[in-house]
Structures are given as C-alpha cells and as structure tokens.
Amino acid sequence: GVPADLLAHREMLALLLPTLRADLTVCARYR
C-alpha cells in the first residue's frame, strides 16, 4: 500500500501516518 517512490521520502511518509492510523482506527472500531 505504499508507492515505491514514497519509500525514499521518510519525512513525507511521517506526515501521512496520522491519517493512515486514524483510518485503521475506523476499521478496528467498526461495530
């Protein structure tokens, strides 16, 4: 799920992780 061209840009990935974490929380909390 991570495009290859993003893997070299750790700073950019760090900015995206909060949204990814929130989305995965949606899935985990889904009743």
Full PDB file with SEQRES, HELIX, SHEET, SSBOND, CRYST1, ORIGX, SCALE, CONECT and MASTER records, all heavy atoms in Angstrom:
SEQRES   1 A   31  GLY VAL PRO ALA ASP LEU LEU ALA HIS ARG GLU MET LEU          
SEQRES   2 A   31  ALA LEU LEU LEU PRO THR LEU ARG ALA ASP LEU THR VAL          
SEQRES   3 A   31  CYS ALA ARG TYR ARG                                          
HELIX    1 AA1 ALA A    4  LEU A    6  5                                   3    
HELIX    2 AA2 ARG A   10  ARG A   29  1                                  20    
CRYST1    1.000    1.000    1.000  90.00  90.00  90.00 P 1           1          
ORIGX1      1.000000  0.000000  0.000000        0.00000                         
ORIGX2      0.000000  1.000000  0.000000        0.00000                         
ORIGX3      0.000000  0.000000  1.000000        0.00000                         
SCALE1      1.000000  0.000000  0.000000        0.00000                         
SCALE2      0.000000  1.000000  0.000000        0.00000                         
SCALE3      0.000000  0.000000  1.000000        0.00000                         
ATOM      1  N   GLY A   1       0.778  -1.230   0.000  1.00  0.00           N  
ATOM      2  CA  GLY A   1       0.000   0.000   0.000  1.00  0.00           C  
ATOM      3  C   GLY A   1       0.809   1.277   0.000  1.00  0.00           C  
ATOM      4  O   GLY A   1       0.237   2.365   0.062  1.00  0.00           O  
ATOM      5  N   VAL A   2       2.132   1.169  -0.088  1.00  0.00           N  
ATOM      6  CA  VAL A   2       2.987   2.361  -0.126  1.00  0.00           C  
ATOM      7  C   VAL A   2       3.679   2.426  -1.481  1.00  0.00           C  
ATOM      8  O   VAL A   2       4.461   1.537  -1.820  1.00  0.00           O  
ATOM      9  CB  VAL A   2       4.050   2.327   1.004  1.00  0.00           C  
ATOM     10  CG1 VAL A   2       4.898   3.594   0.957  1.00  0.00           C  
ATOM     11  CG2 VAL A   2       3.385   2.186   2.364  1.00  0.00           C  
ATOM     12  N   PRO A   3       3.407   3.455  -2.269  1.00  0.00           N  
ATOM     13  CA  PRO A   3       4.069   3.584  -3.569  1.00  0.00           C  
ATOM     14  C   PRO A   3       5.585   3.582  -3.424  1.00  0.00           C  
ATOM     15  O   PRO A   3       6.131   4.175  -2.480  1.00  0.00           O  
ATOM     16  CB  PRO A   3       3.563   4.932  -4.094  1.00  0.00           C  
ATOM     17  CG  PRO A   3       2.272   5.157  -3.387  1.00  0.00           C  
ATOM     18  CD  PRO A   3       2.453   4.545  -2.020  1.00  0.00           C  
ATOM     19  N   ALA A   4       6.258   2.932  -4.350  1.00  0.00           N  
ATOM     20  CA  ALA A   4       7.714   2.783  -4.265  1.00  0.00           C  
ATOM     21  C   ALA A   4       8.420   4.134  -4.207  1.00  0.00           C  
ATOM     22  O   ALA A   4       9.420   4.298  -3.502  1.00  0.00           O  
ATOM     23  CB  ALA A   4       8.215   1.965  -5.457  1.00  0.00           C  
ATOM     24  N   ASP A   5       7.902   5.137  -4.931  1.00  0.00           N  
ATOM     25  CA  ASP A   5       8.574   6.434  -4.959  1.00  0.00           C  
ATOM     26  C   ASP A   5       8.449   7.196  -3.644  1.00  0.00           C  
ATOM     27  O   ASP A   5       9.162   8.177  -3.415  1.00  0.00           O  
ATOM     28  CB  ASP A   5       8.051   7.286  -6.112  1.00  0.00           C  
ATOM     29  CG  ASP A   5       6.543   7.496  -6.065  1.00  0.00           C  
ATOM     30  OD1 ASP A   5       5.875   6.781  -5.295  1.00  0.00           O  
ATOM     31  OD2 ASP A   5       6.044   8.368  -6.797  1.00  0.00           O  
ATOM     32  N   LEU A   6       7.548   6.736  -2.759  1.00  0.00           N  
ATOM     33  CA  LEU A   6       7.395   7.385  -1.458  1.00  0.00           C  
ATOM     34  C   LEU A   6       8.330   6.807  -0.401  1.00  0.00           C  
ATOM     35  O   LEU A   6       8.624   7.462   0.593  1.00  0.00           O  
ATOM     36  CB  LEU A   6       5.949   7.257  -0.964  1.00  0.00           C  
ATOM     37  CG  LEU A   6       4.978   8.394  -1.259  1.00  0.00           C  
ATOM     38  CD1 LEU A   6       3.638   8.098  -0.621  1.00  0.00           C  
ATOM     39  CD2 LEU A   6       5.514   9.735  -0.765  1.00  0.00           C  
ATOM     40  N   LEU A   7       8.774   5.585  -0.610  1.00  0.00           N  
ATOM     41  CA  LEU A   7       9.570   4.900   0.407  1.00  0.00           C  
ATOM     42  C   LEU A   7      10.871   5.635   0.726  1.00  0.00           C  
ATOM     43  O   LEU A   7      11.390   5.534   1.834  1.00  0.00           O  
ATOM     44  CB  LEU A   7       9.872   3.466  -0.030  1.00  0.00           C  
ATOM     45  CG  LEU A   7       8.677   2.518  -0.034  1.00  0.00           C  
ATOM     46  CD1 LEU A   7       9.070   1.160  -0.594  1.00  0.00           C  
ATOM     47  CD2 LEU A   7       8.112   2.363   1.373  1.00  0.00           C  
ATOM     48  N   ALA A   8      11.370   6.388  -0.246  1.00  0.00           N  
ATOM     49  CA  ALA A   8      12.629   7.113  -0.036  1.00  0.00           C  
ATOM     50  C   ALA A   8      12.414   8.462   0.657  1.00  0.00           C  
ATOM     51  O   ALA A   8      13.381   9.139   0.999  1.00  0.00           O  
ATOM     52  CB  ALA A   8      13.335   7.327  -1.374  1.00  0.00           C  
ATOM     53  N   HIS A   9      11.178   8.824   0.879  1.00  0.00           N  
ATOM     54  CA  HIS A   9      10.870  10.129   1.476  1.00  0.00           C  
ATOM     55  C   HIS A   9      10.225   9.926   2.836  1.00  0.00           C  
ATOM     56  O   HIS A   9       9.010  10.032   3.011  1.00  0.00           O  
ATOM     57  CB  HIS A   9       9.955  10.921   0.554  1.00  0.00           C  
ATOM     58  CG  HIS A   9      10.534  11.178  -0.805  1.00  0.00           C  
ATOM     59  ND1 HIS A   9      11.445  12.175  -1.044  1.00  0.00           N  
ATOM     60  CD2 HIS A   9      10.350  10.542  -1.992  1.00  0.00           C  
ATOM     61  CE1 HIS A   9      11.792  12.166  -2.322  1.00  0.00           C  
ATOM     62  NE2 HIS A   9      11.140  11.183  -2.921  1.00  0.00           N  
ATOM     63  N   ARG A  10      11.063   9.648   3.812  1.00  0.00           N  
ATOM     64  CA  ARG A  10      10.563   9.332   5.149  1.00  0.00           C  
ATOM     65  C   ARG A  10       9.834  10.511   5.786  1.00  0.00           C  
ATOM     66  O   ARG A  10       8.878  10.328   6.531  1.00  0.00           O  
ATOM     67  CB  ARG A  10      11.720   8.890   6.052  1.00  0.00           C  
ATOM     68  CG  ARG A  10      12.535   7.716   5.534  1.00  0.00           C  
ATOM     69  CD  ARG A  10      11.754   6.423   5.578  1.00  0.00           C  
ATOM     70  NE  ARG A  10      11.521   5.955   6.930  1.00  0.00           N  
ATOM     71  CZ  ARG A  10      11.142   4.716   7.239  1.00  0.00           C  
ATOM     72  NH1 ARG A  10      10.943   3.825   6.273  1.00  0.00           N  
ATOM     73  NH2 ARG A  10      10.922   4.360   8.489  1.00  0.00           N  
ATOM     74  N   GLU A  11      10.296  11.737   5.478  1.00  0.00           N  
ATOM     75  CA  GLU A  11       9.639  12.904   6.062  1.00  0.00           C  
ATOM     76  C   GLU A  11       8.205  13.021   5.564  1.00  0.00           C  
ATOM     77  O   GLU A  11       7.283  13.319   6.331  1.00  0.00           O  
ATOM     78  CB  GLU A  11      10.417  14.178   5.727  1.00  0.00           C  
ATOM     79  CG  GLU A  11      11.831  14.228   6.291  1.00  0.00           C  
ATOM     80  CD  GLU A  11      12.841  13.504   5.407  1.00  0.00           C  
ATOM     81  OE1 GLU A  11      12.420  12.965   4.353  1.00  0.00           O  
ATOM     82  OE2 GLU A  11      14.019  13.475   5.774  1.00  0.00           O  
ATOM     83  N   MET A  12       8.013  12.790   4.271  1.00  0.00           N  
ATOM     84  CA  MET A  12       6.671  12.837   3.709  1.00  0.00           C  
ATOM     85  C   MET A  12       5.796  11.733   4.290  1.00  0.00           C  
ATOM     86  O   MET A  12       4.634  11.954   4.644  1.00  0.00           O  
ATOM     87  CB  MET A  12       6.732  12.707   2.185  1.00  0.00           C  
ATOM     88  CG  MET A  12       5.367  12.680   1.505  1.00  0.00           C  
ATOM     89  SD  MET A  12       4.437  14.224   1.705  1.00  0.00           S  
ATOM     90  CE  MET A  12       5.410  15.302   0.641  1.00  0.00           C  
ATOM     91  N   LEU A  13       6.361  10.534   4.410  1.00  0.00           N  
ATOM     92  CA  LEU A  13       5.608   9.416   4.973  1.00  0.00           C  
ATOM     93  C   LEU A  13       5.180   9.709   6.406  1.00  0.00           C  
ATOM     94  O   LEU A  13       4.072   9.356   6.817  1.00  0.00           O  
ATOM     95  CB  LEU A  13       6.447   8.144   4.923  1.00  0.00           C  
ATOM     96  CG  LEU A  13       6.585   7.498   3.539  1.00  0.00           C  
ATOM     97  CD1 LEU A  13       7.625   6.377   3.577  1.00  0.00           C  
ATOM     98  CD2 LEU A  13       5.260   6.963   3.050  1.00  0.00           C  
ATOM     99  N   ALA A  14       6.042  10.348   7.160  1.00  0.00           N  
ATOM    100  CA  ALA A  14       5.716  10.666   8.552  1.00  0.00           C  
ATOM    101  C   ALA A  14       4.502  11.583   8.627  1.00  0.00           C  
ATOM    102  O   ALA A  14       3.696  11.490   9.566  1.00  0.00           O  
ATOM    103  CB  ALA A  14       6.916  11.324   9.229  1.00  0.00           C  
ATOM    104  N   LEU A  15       4.332  12.462   7.633  1.00  0.00           N  
ATOM    105  CA  LEU A  15       3.178  13.353   7.614  1.00  0.00           C  
ATOM    106  C   LEU A  15       1.886  12.620   7.284  1.00  0.00           C  
ATOM    107  O   LEU A  15       0.799  13.047   7.678  1.00  0.00           O  
ATOM    108  CB  LEU A  15       3.405  14.464   6.580  1.00  0.00           C  
ATOM    109  CG  LEU A  15       4.538  15.457   6.869  1.00  0.00           C  
ATOM    110  CD1 LEU A  15       4.714  16.400   5.692  1.00  0.00           C  
ATOM    111  CD2 LEU A  15       4.260  16.238   8.149  1.00  0.00           C  
ATOM    112  N   LEU A  16       2.010  11.498   6.566  1.00  0.00           N  
ATOM    113  CA  LEU A  16       0.830  10.747   6.141  1.00  0.00           C  
ATOM    114  C   LEU A  16       0.371   9.721   7.179  1.00  0.00           C  
ATOM    115  O   LEU A  16      -0.785   9.280   7.146  1.00  0.00           O  
ATOM    116  CB  LEU A  16       1.132  10.026   4.820  1.00  0.00           C  
ATOM    117  CG  LEU A  16       1.533  10.908   3.640  1.00  0.00           C  
ATOM    118  CD1 LEU A  16       1.884  10.042   2.435  1.00  0.00           C  
ATOM    119  CD2 LEU A  16       0.422  11.886   3.293  1.00  0.00           C  
ATOM    120  N   LEU A  17       1.258   9.339   8.072  1.00  0.00           N  
ATOM    121  CA  LEU A  17       0.937   8.272   9.016  1.00  0.00           C  
ATOM    122  C   LEU A  17      -0.232   8.583   9.955  1.00  0.00           C  
ATOM    123  O   LEU A  17      -1.013   7.682  10.271  1.00  0.00           O  
ATOM    124  CB  LEU A  17       2.180   7.893   9.828  1.00  0.00           C  
ATOM    125  CG  LEU A  17       3.224   7.063   9.068  1.00  0.00           C  
ATOM    126  CD1 LEU A  17       4.431   6.792   9.957  1.00  0.00           C  
ATOM    127  CD2 LEU A  17       2.627   5.752   8.575  1.00  0.00           C  
ATOM    128  N   PRO A  18      -0.399   9.831  10.440  1.00  0.00           N  
ATOM    129  CA  PRO A  18      -1.553  10.084  11.314  1.00  0.00           C  
ATOM    130  C   PRO A  18      -2.885   9.777  10.645  1.00  0.00           C  
ATOM    131  O   PRO A  18      -3.807   9.249  11.282  1.00  0.00           O  
ATOM    132  CB  PRO A  18      -1.409  11.572  11.659  1.00  0.00           C  
ATOM    133  CG  PRO A  18       0.054  11.840  11.540  1.00  0.00           C  
ATOM    134  CD  PRO A  18       0.516  11.002  10.390  1.00  0.00           C  
ATOM    135  N   THR A  19      -3.005  10.107   9.365  1.00  0.00           N  
ATOM    136  CA  THR A  19      -4.257   9.812   8.654  1.00  0.00           C  
ATOM    137  C   THR A  19      -4.431   8.316   8.476  1.00  0.00           C  
ATOM    138  O   THR A  19      -5.537   7.777   8.663  1.00  0.00           O  
ATOM    139  CB  THR A  19      -4.270  10.525   7.286  1.00  0.00           C  
ATOM    140  OG1 THR A  19      -4.359  11.928   7.506  1.00  0.00           O  
ATOM    141  CG2 THR A  19      -5.446  10.062   6.443  1.00  0.00           C  
ATOM    142  N   LEU A  20      -3.353   7.626   8.124  1.00  0.00           N  
ATOM    143  CA  LEU A  20      -3.426   6.174   7.995  1.00  0.00           C  
ATOM    144  C   LEU A  20      -3.837   5.542   9.316  1.00  0.00           C  
ATOM    145  O   LEU A  20      -4.701   4.656   9.360  1.00  0.00           O  
ATOM    146  CB  LEU A  20      -2.070   5.617   7.549  1.00  0.00           C  
ATOM    147  CG  LEU A  20      -1.928   4.094   7.547  1.00  0.00           C  
ATOM    148  CD1 LEU A  20      -2.947   3.445   6.619  1.00  0.00           C  
ATOM    149  CD2 LEU A  20      -0.506   3.693   7.153  1.00  0.00           C  
ATOM    150  N   ARG A  21      -3.265   6.020  10.413  1.00  0.00           N  
ATOM    151  CA  ARG A  21      -3.585   5.468  11.726  1.00  0.00           C  
ATOM    152  C   ARG A  21      -5.052   5.716  12.083  1.00  0.00           C  
ATOM    153  O   ARG A  21      -5.740   4.850  12.622  1.00  0.00           O  
ATOM    154  CB  ARG A  21      -2.667   6.078  12.790  1.00  0.00           C  
ATOM    155  CG  ARG A  21      -2.695   5.355  14.129  1.00  0.00           C  
ATOM    156  CD  ARG A  21      -1.785   6.049  15.135  1.00  0.00           C  
ATOM    157  NE  ARG A  21      -0.408   6.122  14.671  1.00  0.00           N  
ATOM    158  CZ  ARG A  21       0.454   5.115  14.735  1.00  0.00           C  
ATOM    159  NH1 ARG A  21       0.077   3.951  15.239  1.00  0.00           N  
ATOM    160  NH2 ARG A  21       1.698   5.260  14.301  1.00  0.00           N  
ATOM    161  N   ALA A  22      -5.540   6.915  11.755  1.00  0.00           N  
ATOM    162  CA  ALA A  22      -6.942   7.231  12.021  1.00  0.00           C  
ATOM    163  C   ALA A  22      -7.868   6.325  11.219  1.00  0.00           C  
ATOM    164  O   ALA A  22      -8.872   5.817  11.727  1.00  0.00           O  
ATOM    165  CB  ALA A  22      -7.212   8.694  11.693  1.00  0.00           C  
ATOM    166  N   ASP A  23      -7.542   6.105   9.942  1.00  0.00           N  
ATOM    167  CA  ASP A  23      -8.365   5.243   9.091  1.00  0.00           C  
ATOM    168  C   ASP A  23      -8.405   3.810   9.612  1.00  0.00           C  
ATOM    169  O   ASP A  23      -9.462   3.156   9.613  1.00  0.00           O  
ATOM    170  CB  ASP A  23      -7.824   5.240   7.662  1.00  0.00           C  
ATOM    171  CG  ASP A  23      -8.065   6.550   6.938  1.00  0.00           C  
ATOM    172  OD1 ASP A  23      -8.787   7.407   7.481  1.00  0.00           O  
ATOM    173  OD2 ASP A  23      -7.535   6.715   5.819  1.00  0.00           O  
ATOM    174  N   LEU A  24      -7.256   3.317  10.039  1.00  0.00           N  
ATOM    175  CA  LEU A  24      -7.208   1.958  10.576  1.00  0.00           C  
ATOM    176  C   LEU A  24      -7.961   1.867  11.903  1.00  0.00           C  
ATOM    177  O   LEU A  24      -8.484   0.804  12.254  1.00  0.00           O  
ATOM    178  CB  LEU A  24      -5.752   1.509  10.742  1.00  0.00           C  
ATOM    179  CG  LEU A  24      -4.985   1.343   9.422  1.00  0.00           C  
ATOM    180  CD1 LEU A  24      -3.510   1.075   9.694  1.00  0.00           C  
ATOM    181  CD2 LEU A  24      -5.589   0.214   8.588  1.00  0.00           C  
ATOM    182  N   THR A  25      -8.036   2.964  12.627  1.00  0.00           N  
ATOM    183  CA  THR A  25      -8.854   3.008  13.839  1.00  0.00           C  
ATOM    184  C   THR A  25     -10.330   2.887  13.483  1.00  0.00           C  
ATOM    185  O   THR A  25     -11.106   2.220  14.182  1.00  0.00           O  
ATOM    186  CB  THR A  25      -8.593   4.308  14.623  1.00  0.00           C  
ATOM    187  OG1 THR A  25      -7.211   4.398  14.959  1.00  0.00           O  
ATOM    188  CG2 THR A  25      -9.416   4.356  15.901  1.00  0.00           C  
ATOM    189  N   VAL A  26     -10.738   3.511  12.375  1.00  0.00           N  
ATOM    190  CA  VAL A  26     -12.113   3.364  11.888  1.00  0.00           C  
ATOM    191  C   VAL A  26     -12.442   1.891  11.694  1.00  0.00           C  
ATOM    192  O   VAL A  26     -13.485   1.396  12.135  1.00  0.00           O  
ATOM    193  CB  VAL A  26     -12.303   4.126  10.556  1.00  0.00           C  
ATOM    194  CG1 VAL A  26     -13.628   3.741   9.904  1.00  0.00           C  
ATOM    195  CG2 VAL A  26     -12.245   5.625  10.778  1.00  0.00           C  
ATOM    196  N   CYS A  27     -11.528   1.167  11.042  1.00  0.00           N  
ATOM    197  CA  CYS A  27     -11.758  -0.257  10.773  1.00  0.00           C  
ATOM    198  C   CYS A  27     -11.817  -1.065  12.065  1.00  0.00           C  
ATOM    199  O   CYS A  27     -12.670  -1.945  12.228  1.00  0.00           O  
ATOM    200  CB  CYS A  27     -10.647  -0.802   9.868  1.00  0.00           C  
ATOM    201  SG  CYS A  27     -10.584  -0.028   8.237  1.00  0.00           S  
ATOM    202  N   ALA A  28     -10.902  -0.771  12.989  1.00  0.00           N  
ATOM    203  CA  ALA A  28     -10.854  -1.528  14.237  1.00  0.00           C  
ATOM    204  C   ALA A  28     -12.076  -1.273  15.109  1.00  0.00           C  
ATOM    205  O   ALA A  28     -12.528  -2.162  15.835  1.00  0.00           O  
ATOM    206  CB  ALA A  28      -9.570  -1.171  15.005  1.00  0.00           C  
ATOM    207  N   ARG A  29     -12.618  -0.070  15.046  1.00  0.00           N  
ATOM    208  CA  ARG A  29     -13.770   0.291  15.881  1.00  0.00           C  
ATOM    209  C   ARG A  29     -15.108  -0.034  15.218  1.00  0.00           C  
ATOM    210  O   ARG A  29     -16.157   0.085  15.858  1.00  0.00           O  
ATOM    211  CB  ARG A  29     -13.737   1.794  16.183  1.00  0.00           C  
ATOM    212  CG  ARG A  29     -12.635   2.216  17.150  1.00  0.00           C  
ATOM    213  CD  ARG A  29     -12.705   3.717  17.375  1.00  0.00           C  
ATOM    214  NE  ARG A  29     -11.733   4.153  18.382  1.00  0.00           N  
ATOM    215  CZ  ARG A  29     -11.526   5.428  18.706  1.00  0.00           C  
ATOM    216  NH1 ARG A  29     -12.241   6.383  18.111  1.00  0.00           N  
ATOM    217  NH2 ARG A  29     -10.641   5.747  19.613  1.00  0.00           N  
ATOM    218  N   TYR A  30     -15.054  -0.401  13.953  1.00  0.00           N  
ATOM    219  CA  TYR A  30     -16.307  -0.637  13.239  1.00  0.00           C  
ATOM    220  C   TYR A  30     -17.102  -1.736  13.932  1.00  0.00           C  
ATOM    221  O   TYR A  30     -16.614  -2.854  14.104  1.00  0.00           O  
ATOM    222  CB  TYR A  30     -16.030  -1.032  11.790  1.00  0.00           C  
ATOM    223  CG  TYR A  30     -17.259  -0.978  10.912  1.00  0.00           C  
ATOM    224  CD1 TYR A  30     -17.586   0.186  10.236  1.00  0.00           C  
ATOM    225  CD2 TYR A  30     -18.094  -2.074  10.753  1.00  0.00           C  
ATOM    226  CE1 TYR A  30     -18.713   0.265   9.425  1.00  0.00           C  
ATOM    227  CE2 TYR A  30     -19.223  -2.012   9.953  1.00  0.00           C  
ATOM    228  CZ  TYR A  30     -19.519  -0.840   9.293  1.00  0.00           C  
ATOM    229  OH  TYR A  30     -20.637  -0.774   8.493  1.00  0.00           O  
ATOM    230  N   ARG A  31     -18.293  -1.387  14.338  1.00  0.00           N  
ATOM    231  CA  ARG A  31     -19.116  -2.342  15.075  1.00  0.00           C  
ATOM    232  C   ARG A  31     -19.768  -3.325  14.111  1.00  0.00           C  
ATOM    233  O   ARG A  31     -20.408  -2.930  13.130  1.00  0.00           O  
ATOM    234  CB  ARG A  31     -20.192  -1.596  15.861  1.00  0.00           C  
ATOM    235  CG  ARG A  31     -19.630  -0.717  16.969  1.00  0.00           C  
ATOM    236  CD  ARG A  31     -20.745  -0.010  17.723  1.00  0.00           C  
ATOM    237  NE  ARG A  31     -20.225   0.798  18.808  1.00  0.00           N  
ATOM    238  CZ  ARG A  31     -20.983   1.538  19.608  1.00  0.00           C  
ATOM    239  NH1 ARG A  31     -22.293   1.569  19.418  1.00  0.00           N  
ATOM    240  NH2 ARG A  31     -20.441   2.250  20.576  1.00  0.00           N  
TER     241      ARG A  31                                                      
MASTER        0    0    0    2    0    0    0    6  240    1    0    3          
END                                                                             
